[in-house]
């Protein structure tokens, strides 16, 4: 199991440290924004997995009855919401079952909680960012994942995609593009985040993070 903290200013602007709880018990260490635990081995079984404040008696947010079979490999990504409890999680499987040779598996998640980015298009272009534009994901809603649950996996030839945010709706990236490697034989997860938490008009700080094979976390787009 891998846990990744991509929820800006959670639990606060002064400290983004959170703890992971398994069955209500805090595990050693803390996790700050932009950090990952990497793969942590857990015996097969059913667990309640939570996120909370370091030193607290229990978690603030909990996934109940997470079933892990022998060999299961999941990534849990915390992202910021606009609710009273401003954090929720995406859960992805890192399984490569059925993945063809010379191919990588890609998931994309929309965790940028700003109305100006809801929805947004995720677009690809040439390296210069001004030609050969294609909408990779159109009308991408906040808190959605792509492919949607129950839909076929997005398996693409190992390569490098130039990916960015299309805010204007003209099929070309307005933020980015940046080279995103699709790695042969592994799962890559792209998570869109807005580090500006004010929600004021035109106050955007969109970021794109990549999680490669559960262990490598890279900030691909940083607007500042």
C-alpha atoms as a PDB file:
ATOM      1  CA  UNK A   1       0.000   0.000   0.000  1.00  0.00           C
ATOM      2  CA  UNK A   2       1.149   3.541  -0.796  1.00  0.00           C
ATOM      3  CA  UNK A   3      -0.168   6.806   0.700  1.00  0.00           C
ATOM      4  CA  UNK A   4       0.389  10.204  -0.987  1.00  0.00           C
ATOM      5  CA  UNK A   5      -0.400  13.649   0.489  1.00  0.00           C
ATOM      6  CA  UNK A   6      -1.599  16.029  -2.261  1.00  0.00           C
ATOM      7  CA  UNK A   7      -4.026  18.170  -0.220  1.00  0.00           C
ATOM      8  CA  UNK A   8      -2.620  21.740   0.020  1.00  0.00           C
ATOM      9  CA  UNK A   9      -2.790  23.391   3.465  1.00  0.00           C
ATOM     10  CA  UNK A  10      -4.255  20.270   5.090  1.00  0.00           C
ATOM     11  CA  UNK A  11      -4.540  20.186   8.010  1.00  0.00           C
ATOM     12  CA  UNK A  12      -3.427  23.867   8.052  1.00  0.00           C
ATOM     13  CA  UNK A  13      -1.355  26.442   6.193  1.00  0.00           C
ATOM     14  CA  UNK A  14       1.205  26.359   8.994  1.00  0.00           C
ATOM     15  CA  UNK A  15       1.670  22.588   9.017  1.00  0.00           C
ATOM     16  CA  UNK A  16       0.572  19.972   6.495  1.00  0.00           C
ATOM     17  CA  UNK A  17       1.727  17.022   8.573  1.00  0.00           C
ATOM     18  CA  UNK A  18      -0.770  14.167   8.815  1.00  0.00           C
ATOM     19  CA  UNK A  19      -0.588  10.649  10.178  1.00  0.00           C
ATOM     20  CA  UNK A  20      -1.824   7.390   8.718  1.00  0.00           C
ATOM     21  CA  UNK A  21      -3.989   5.173  10.908  1.00  0.00           C
ATOM     22  CA  UNK A  22      -4.552   1.460  10.441  1.00  0.00           C
ATOM     23  CA  UNK A  23      -7.533   0.071  12.367  1.00  0.00           C
ATOM     24  CA  UNK A  24      -7.555   3.247  14.458  1.00  0.00           C
ATOM     25  CA  UNK A  25      -3.885   2.998  15.441  1.00  0.00           C
ATOM     26  CA  UNK A  26      -1.407   5.615  14.256  1.00  0.00           C
ATOM     27  CA  UNK A  27       1.501   4.168  12.321  1.00  0.00           C
ATOM     28  CA  UNK A  28       5.001   5.602  12.915  1.00  0.00           C
ATOM     29  CA  UNK A  29       5.990   8.749  11.013  1.00  0.00           C
ATOM     30  CA  UNK A  30       4.077  11.592   9.403  1.00  0.00           C
ATOM     31  CA  UNK A  31       3.357  12.724   5.858  1.00  0.00           C
ATOM     32  CA  UNK A  32       3.444  16.341   4.596  1.00  0.00           C
ATOM     33  CA  UNK A  33       2.109  17.877   1.384  1.00  0.00           C
ATOM     34  CA  UNK A  34       4.024  16.568  -1.603  1.00  0.00           C
ATOM     35  CA  UNK A  35       5.297  13.472   0.179  1.00  0.00           C
ATOM     36  CA  UNK A  36       4.664   9.765  -0.236  1.00  0.00           C
ATOM     37  CA  UNK A  37       5.176   6.777   2.003  1.00  0.00           C
ATOM     38  CA  UNK A  38       6.311   4.699  -0.945  1.00  0.00           C
ATOM     39  CA  UNK A  39       5.230   1.087  -0.842  1.00  0.00           C
ATOM     40  CA  UNK A  40       4.517  -0.217   2.651  1.00  0.00           C
ATOM     41  CA  UNK A  41       3.993  -3.957   3.024  1.00  0.00           C
ATOM     42  CA  UNK A  42       0.837  -4.986   4.880  1.00  0.00           C
ATOM     43  CA  UNK A  43      -0.319  -8.547   5.431  1.00  0.00           C
ATOM     44  CA  UNK A  44      -3.392  -9.650   3.517  1.00  0.00           C
ATOM     45  CA  UNK A  45      -6.584  -8.863   5.402  1.00  0.00           C
ATOM     46  CA  UNK A  46      -9.346  -6.288   5.845  1.00  0.00           C
ATOM     47  CA  UNK A  47      -8.401  -2.936   7.360  1.00  0.00           C
ATOM     48  CA  UNK A  48      -9.813   0.473   8.242  1.00  0.00           C
ATOM     49  CA  UNK A  49      -7.336   2.986   6.754  1.00  0.00           C
ATOM     50  CA  UNK A  50      -7.486   6.574   8.012  1.00  0.00           C
ATOM     51  CA  UNK A  51      -5.862   9.995   7.890  1.00  0.00           C
ATOM     52  CA  UNK A  52      -5.660  12.251  10.930  1.00  0.00           C
ATOM     53  CA  UNK A  53      -3.651  14.663  13.038  1.00  0.00           C
ATOM     54  CA  UNK A  54      -0.362  13.442  14.474  1.00  0.00           C
ATOM     55  CA  UNK A  55      -0.842  12.340  18.067  1.00  0.00           C
ATOM     56  CA  UNK A  56      -4.629  12.271  17.836  1.00  0.00           C
ATOM     57  CA  UNK A  57      -6.693   9.488  19.362  1.00  0.00           C
ATOM     58  CA  UNK A  58      -7.984   8.462  15.952  1.00  0.00           C
ATOM     59  CA  UNK A  59      -8.371   9.458  12.295  1.00  0.00           C
ATOM     60  CA  UNK A  60     -10.473  12.311  10.918  1.00  0.00           C
ATOM     61  CA  UNK A  61     -11.186  10.476   7.659  1.00  0.00           C
ATOM     62  CA  UNK A  62     -11.410   6.712   7.405  1.00  0.00           C
ATOM     63  CA  UNK A  63     -11.835   4.171   4.605  1.00  0.00           C
ATOM     64  CA  UNK A  64     -13.679   1.270   6.147  1.00  0.00           C
ATOM     65  CA  UNK A  65     -13.158  -2.396   5.311  1.00  0.00           C
ATOM     66  CA  UNK A  66     -10.348  -2.030   2.783  1.00  0.00           C
ATOM     67  CA  UNK A  67      -9.742  -5.581   1.645  1.00  0.00           C
ATOM     68  CA  UNK A  68      -6.170  -6.439   0.688  1.00  0.00           C
ATOM     69  CA  UNK A  69      -5.589  -9.850  -0.833  1.00  0.00           C
ATOM     70  CA  UNK A  70      -2.173 -11.422  -1.165  1.00  0.00           C
ATOM     71  CA  UNK A  71      -0.294  -9.434  -3.836  1.00  0.00           C
ATOM     72  CA  UNK A  72      -2.693  -6.466  -3.914  1.00  0.00           C
ATOM     73  CA  UNK A  73      -0.987  -3.116  -4.502  1.00  0.00           C
ATOM     74  CA  UNK A  74      -3.012   0.098  -4.009  1.00  0.00           C
ATOM     75  CA  UNK A  75      -2.239   3.812  -3.905  1.00  0.00           C
ATOM     76  CA  UNK A  76      -4.315   6.159  -1.714  1.00  0.00           C
ATOM     77  CA  UNK A  77      -4.037   9.872  -2.636  1.00  0.00           C
ATOM     78  CA  UNK A  78      -5.325  12.583  -0.294  1.00  0.00           C
ATOM     79  CA  UNK A  79      -6.693  15.701  -2.040  1.00  0.00           C
ATOM     80  CA  UNK A  80      -8.310  18.934  -0.833  1.00  0.00           C
ATOM     81  CA  UNK A  81     -12.072  19.536  -0.970  1.00  0.00           C
ATOM     82  CA  UNK A  82     -14.246  22.551  -0.121  1.00  0.00           C
ATOM     83  CA  UNK A  83     -16.134  20.739   2.645  1.00  0.00           C
ATOM     84  CA  UNK A  84     -15.950  21.363   6.395  1.00  0.00           C
ATOM     85  CA  UNK A  85     -13.491  18.467   6.504  1.00  0.00           C
ATOM     86  CA  UNK A  86     -11.353  19.641   3.592  1.00  0.00           C
ATOM     87  CA  UNK A  87      -9.835  16.313   2.592  1.00  0.00           C
ATOM     88  CA  UNK A  88     -10.874  13.193   0.730  1.00  0.00           C
ATOM     89  CA  UNK A  89      -9.015  10.417  -1.062  1.00  0.00           C
ATOM     90  CA  UNK A  90      -8.652   8.763  -4.443  1.00  0.00           C
ATOM     91  CA  UNK A  91      -7.852   5.045  -4.454  1.00  0.00           C
ATOM     92  CA  UNK A  92      -6.084   3.345  -7.357  1.00  0.00           C
ATOM     93  CA  UNK A  93      -4.943  -0.175  -8.072  1.00  0.00           C
ATOM     94  CA  UNK A  94      -1.370  -0.577  -9.276  1.00  0.00           C
ATOM     95  CA  UNK A  95      -2.176  -3.910 -10.893  1.00  0.00           C
ATOM     96  CA  UNK A  96      -0.643  -4.447 -14.321  1.00  0.00           C
ATOM     97  CA  UNK A  97      -2.769  -7.495 -15.127  1.00  0.00           C
ATOM     98  CA  UNK A  98      -3.455  -7.634 -18.857  1.00  0.00           C
ATOM     99  CA  UNK A  99      -0.930  -4.901 -19.676  1.00  0.00           C
ATOM    100  CA  UNK A 100       0.661  -5.572 -23.055  1.00  0.00           C
ATOM    101  CA  UNK A 101       4.406  -5.416 -23.712  1.00  0.00           C
ATOM    102  CA  UNK A 102       5.881  -1.947 -24.354  1.00  0.00           C
ATOM    103  CA  UNK A 103       2.796  -0.375 -22.778  1.00  0.00           C
ATOM    104  CA  UNK A 104       2.069   1.635 -19.613  1.00  0.00           C
ATOM    105  CA  UNK A 105      -1.168   2.042 -17.652  1.00  0.00           C
ATOM    106  CA  UNK A 106      -2.305   5.590 -16.828  1.00  0.00           C
ATOM    107  CA  UNK A 107      -4.859   7.014 -14.386  1.00  0.00           C
ATOM    108  CA  UNK A 108      -5.758  10.707 -14.089  1.00  0.00           C
ATOM    109  CA  UNK A 109      -7.498  12.348 -11.098  1.00  0.00           C
ATOM    110  CA  UNK A 110      -9.025  15.838 -10.770  1.00  0.00           C
ATOM    111  CA  UNK A 111      -8.182  17.114  -7.289  1.00  0.00           C
ATOM    112  CA  UNK A 112      -8.024  20.867  -8.092  1.00  0.00           C
ATOM    113  CA  UNK A 113     -10.820  22.368  -5.994  1.00  0.00           C
ATOM    114  CA  UNK A 114     -11.281  25.716  -7.738  1.00  0.00           C
ATOM    115  CA  UNK A 115     -14.449  26.671  -9.696  1.00  0.00           C
ATOM    116  CA  UNK A 116     -12.279  28.049 -12.507  1.00  0.00           C
ATOM    117  CA  UNK A 117     -10.937  24.519 -13.039  1.00  0.00           C
ATOM    118  CA  UNK A 118     -14.248  22.714 -12.712  1.00  0.00           C
ATOM    119  CA  UNK A 119     -14.515  21.447 -15.322  1.00  0.00           C
ATOM    120  CA  UNK A 120     -11.217  21.643 -17.169  1.00  0.00           C
ATOM    121  CA  UNK A 121      -9.827  19.936 -20.234  1.00  0.00           C
ATOM    122  CA  UNK A 122      -6.601  17.965 -20.104  1.00  0.00           C
ATOM    123  CA  UNK A 123      -4.831  18.417 -23.438  1.00  0.00           C
ATOM    124  CA  UNK A 124      -1.749  17.195 -25.238  1.00  0.00           C
ATOM    125  CA  UNK A 125       0.327  19.080 -27.788  1.00  0.00           C
ATOM    126  CA  UNK A 126       3.696  19.091 -29.432  1.00  0.00           C
ATOM    127  CA  UNK A 127       6.727  20.023 -27.350  1.00  0.00           C
ATOM    128  CA  UNK A 128       6.324  23.758 -28.083  1.00  0.00           C
ATOM    129  CA  UNK A 129       2.743  23.661 -26.832  1.00  0.00           C
ATOM    130  CA  UNK A 130       1.281  25.528 -29.811  1.00  0.00           C
ATOM    131  CA  UNK A 131       0.418  22.899 -32.412  1.00  0.00           C
ATOM    132  CA  UNK A 132      -0.945  19.393 -32.905  1.00  0.00           C
ATOM    133  CA  UNK A 133      -3.233  19.850 -29.912  1.00  0.00           C
ATOM    134  CA  UNK A 134      -5.559  17.068 -28.791  1.00  0.00           C
ATOM    135  CA  UNK A 135      -8.037  16.925 -25.930  1.00  0.00           C
ATOM    136  CA  UNK A 136      -7.006  13.942 -23.844  1.00  0.00           C
ATOM    137  CA  UNK A 137      -9.845  14.326 -21.299  1.00  0.00           C
ATOM    138  CA  UNK A 138     -12.693  16.728 -22.002  1.00  0.00           C
ATOM    139  CA  UNK A 139     -15.035  18.281 -19.449  1.00  0.00           C
ATOM    140  CA  UNK A 140     -13.048  16.788 -16.566  1.00  0.00           C
ATOM    141  CA  UNK A 141     -15.007  17.371 -13.350  1.00  0.00           C
ATOM    142  CA  UNK A 142     -13.550  17.968  -9.885  1.00  0.00           C
ATOM    143  CA  UNK A 143     -13.243  14.719  -7.876  1.00  0.00           C
ATOM    144  CA  UNK A 144     -13.544  12.562 -10.996  1.00  0.00           C
ATOM    145  CA  UNK A 145     -11.000  10.017 -12.145  1.00  0.00           C
ATOM    146  CA  UNK A 146     -10.187   8.876 -15.661  1.00  0.00           C
ATOM    147  CA  UNK A 147     -10.910   6.284 -16.837  1.00  0.00           C
ATOM    148  CA  UNK A 148     -14.114   6.246 -14.756  1.00  0.00           C
ATOM    149  CA  UNK A 149     -14.552   3.273 -12.454  1.00  0.00           C
ATOM    150  CA  UNK A 150     -15.820   0.267 -14.356  1.00  0.00           C
ATOM    151  CA  UNK A 151     -14.474   1.503 -17.691  1.00  0.00           C
ATOM    152  CA  UNK A 152     -11.564  -0.164 -19.561  1.00  0.00           C
ATOM    153  CA  UNK A 153      -8.070   0.777 -18.445  1.00  0.00           C
ATOM    154  CA  UNK A 154      -6.139   3.517 -20.258  1.00  0.00           C
ATOM    155  CA  UNK A 155      -3.205   1.501 -21.572  1.00  0.00           C
ATOM    156  CA  UNK A 156      -0.987   3.429 -23.998  1.00  0.00           C
ATOM    157  CA  UNK A 157       2.337   2.718 -25.718  1.00  0.00           C
ATOM    158  CA  UNK A 158       5.371   3.606 -23.637  1.00  0.00           C
ATOM    159  CA  UNK A 159       6.304   7.115 -24.716  1.00  0.00           C
ATOM    160  CA  UNK A 160       6.341  10.730 -23.554  1.00  0.00           C
ATOM    161  CA  UNK A 161       3.124  12.778 -23.656  1.00  0.00           C
ATOM    162  CA  UNK A 162       3.165  16.583 -23.541  1.00  0.00           C
ATOM    163  CA  UNK A 163       0.271  17.268 -21.169  1.00  0.00           C
ATOM    164  CA  UNK A 164      -1.227  20.448 -19.706  1.00  0.00           C
ATOM    165  CA  UNK A 165      -4.404  22.225 -18.567  1.00  0.00           C
ATOM    166  CA  UNK A 166      -6.686  23.614 -21.287  1.00  0.00           C
ATOM    167  CA  UNK A 167      -8.549  26.359 -19.392  1.00  0.00           C
ATOM    168  CA  UNK A 168      -9.676  28.371 -22.435  1.00  0.00           C
ATOM    169  CA  UNK A 169     -11.268  25.391 -24.164  1.00  0.00           C
ATOM    170  CA  UNK A 170      -9.288  25.732 -27.405  1.00  0.00           C
ATOM    171  CA  UNK A 171      -7.820  22.191 -27.228  1.00  0.00           C
ATOM    172  CA  UNK A 172      -4.297  23.479 -26.474  1.00  0.00           C
ATOM    173  CA  UNK A 173      -2.728  23.649 -22.995  1.00  0.00           C
ATOM    174  CA  UNK A 174      -2.812  27.085 -21.344  1.00  0.00           C
ATOM    175  CA  UNK A 175      -0.790  25.760 -18.395  1.00  0.00           C
ATOM    176  CA  UNK A 176       2.034  23.533 -19.547  1.00  0.00           C
ATOM    177  CA  UNK A 177       2.571  21.390 -21.458  1.00  0.00           C
ATOM    178  CA  UNK A 178       5.125  19.292 -19.643  1.00  0.00           C
ATOM    179  CA  UNK A 179       6.629  15.971 -20.720  1.00  0.00           C
ATOM    180  CA  UNK A 180       4.889  13.103 -18.924  1.00  0.00           C
ATOM    181  CA  UNK A 181       6.619   9.742 -19.344  1.00  0.00           C
ATOM    182  CA  UNK A 182       4.476   6.669 -19.844  1.00  0.00           C
ATOM    183  CA  UNK A 183       6.665   3.879 -18.520  1.00  0.00           C
ATOM    184  CA  UNK A 184       6.653   0.373 -19.884  1.00  0.00           C
ATOM    185  CA  UNK A 185       5.129  -2.185 -17.534  1.00  0.00           C
ATOM    186  CA  UNK A 186       4.064   0.135 -14.703  1.00  0.00           C
ATOM    187  CA  UNK A 187       1.106   2.232 -13.550  1.00  0.00           C
ATOM    188  CA  UNK A 188       1.425   6.033 -13.660  1.00  0.00           C
ATOM    189  CA  UNK A 189      -1.074   8.257 -11.817  1.00  0.00           C
ATOM    190  CA  UNK A 190      -1.511  11.947 -12.737  1.00  0.00           C
ATOM    191  CA  UNK A 191      -3.236  14.160 -10.145  1.00  0.00           C
ATOM    192  CA  UNK A 192      -4.341  17.746 -10.846  1.00  0.00           C
ATOM    193  CA  UNK A 193      -4.133  20.053  -7.803  1.00  0.00           C
ATOM    194  CA  UNK A 194      -4.718  23.768  -7.141  1.00  0.00           C
ATOM    195  CA  UNK A 195      -2.299  24.992  -4.487  1.00  0.00           C
ATOM    196  CA  UNK A 196      -4.125  28.347  -4.144  1.00  0.00           C
ATOM    197  CA  UNK A 197      -6.755  27.699  -1.456  1.00  0.00           C
ATOM    198  CA  UNK A 198      -8.431  31.138  -1.470  1.00  0.00           C
ATOM    199  CA  UNK A 199     -10.993  30.345  -4.212  1.00  0.00           C
ATOM    200  CA  UNK A 200     -10.827  34.014  -5.242  1.00  0.00           C
ATOM    201  CA  UNK A 201     -11.552  34.763  -8.935  1.00  0.00           C
ATOM    202  CA  UNK A 202      -8.467  34.337 -11.129  1.00  0.00           C
ATOM    203  CA  UNK A 203      -6.420  33.157  -8.120  1.00  0.00           C
ATOM    204  CA  UNK A 204      -5.119  29.922  -9.556  1.00  0.00           C
ATOM    205  CA  UNK A 205      -1.993  27.919  -8.843  1.00  0.00           C
ATOM    206  CA  UNK A 206      -2.599  24.712 -10.805  1.00  0.00           C
ATOM    207  CA  UNK A 207      -0.184  21.849 -10.385  1.00  0.00           C
ATOM    208  CA  UNK A 208       0.132  18.411 -11.922  1.00  0.00           C
ATOM    209  CA  UNK A 209       1.745  15.607  -9.948  1.00  0.00           C
ATOM    210  CA  UNK A 210       2.897  12.254 -11.266  1.00  0.00           C
ATOM    211  CA  UNK A 211       3.106   9.054  -9.231  1.00  0.00           C
ATOM    212  CA  UNK A 212       5.130   6.460 -11.125  1.00  0.00           C
ATOM    213  CA  UNK A 213       5.036   2.803 -10.067  1.00  0.00           C
ATOM    214  CA  UNK A 214       3.757   3.877  -6.607  1.00  0.00           C
ATOM    215  CA  UNK A 215       7.230   4.802  -5.344  1.00  0.00           C
ATOM    216  CA  UNK A 216       8.204   7.922  -7.356  1.00  0.00           C
ATOM    217  CA  UNK A 217       6.390  11.244  -6.839  1.00  0.00           C
ATOM    218  CA  UNK A 218       7.181  14.142  -9.195  1.00  0.00           C
ATOM    219  CA  UNK A 219       5.676  17.661  -9.428  1.00  0.00           C
ATOM    220  CA  UNK A 220       5.304  17.998 -13.189  1.00  0.00           C
ATOM    221  CA  UNK A 221       3.630  21.429 -13.353  1.00  0.00           C
ATOM    222  CA  UNK A 222       4.227  24.257 -10.885  1.00  0.00           C
ATOM    223  CA  UNK A 223       2.979  27.640 -12.098  1.00  0.00           C
ATOM    224  CA  UNK A 224       5.211  29.798  -9.909  1.00  0.00           C
END
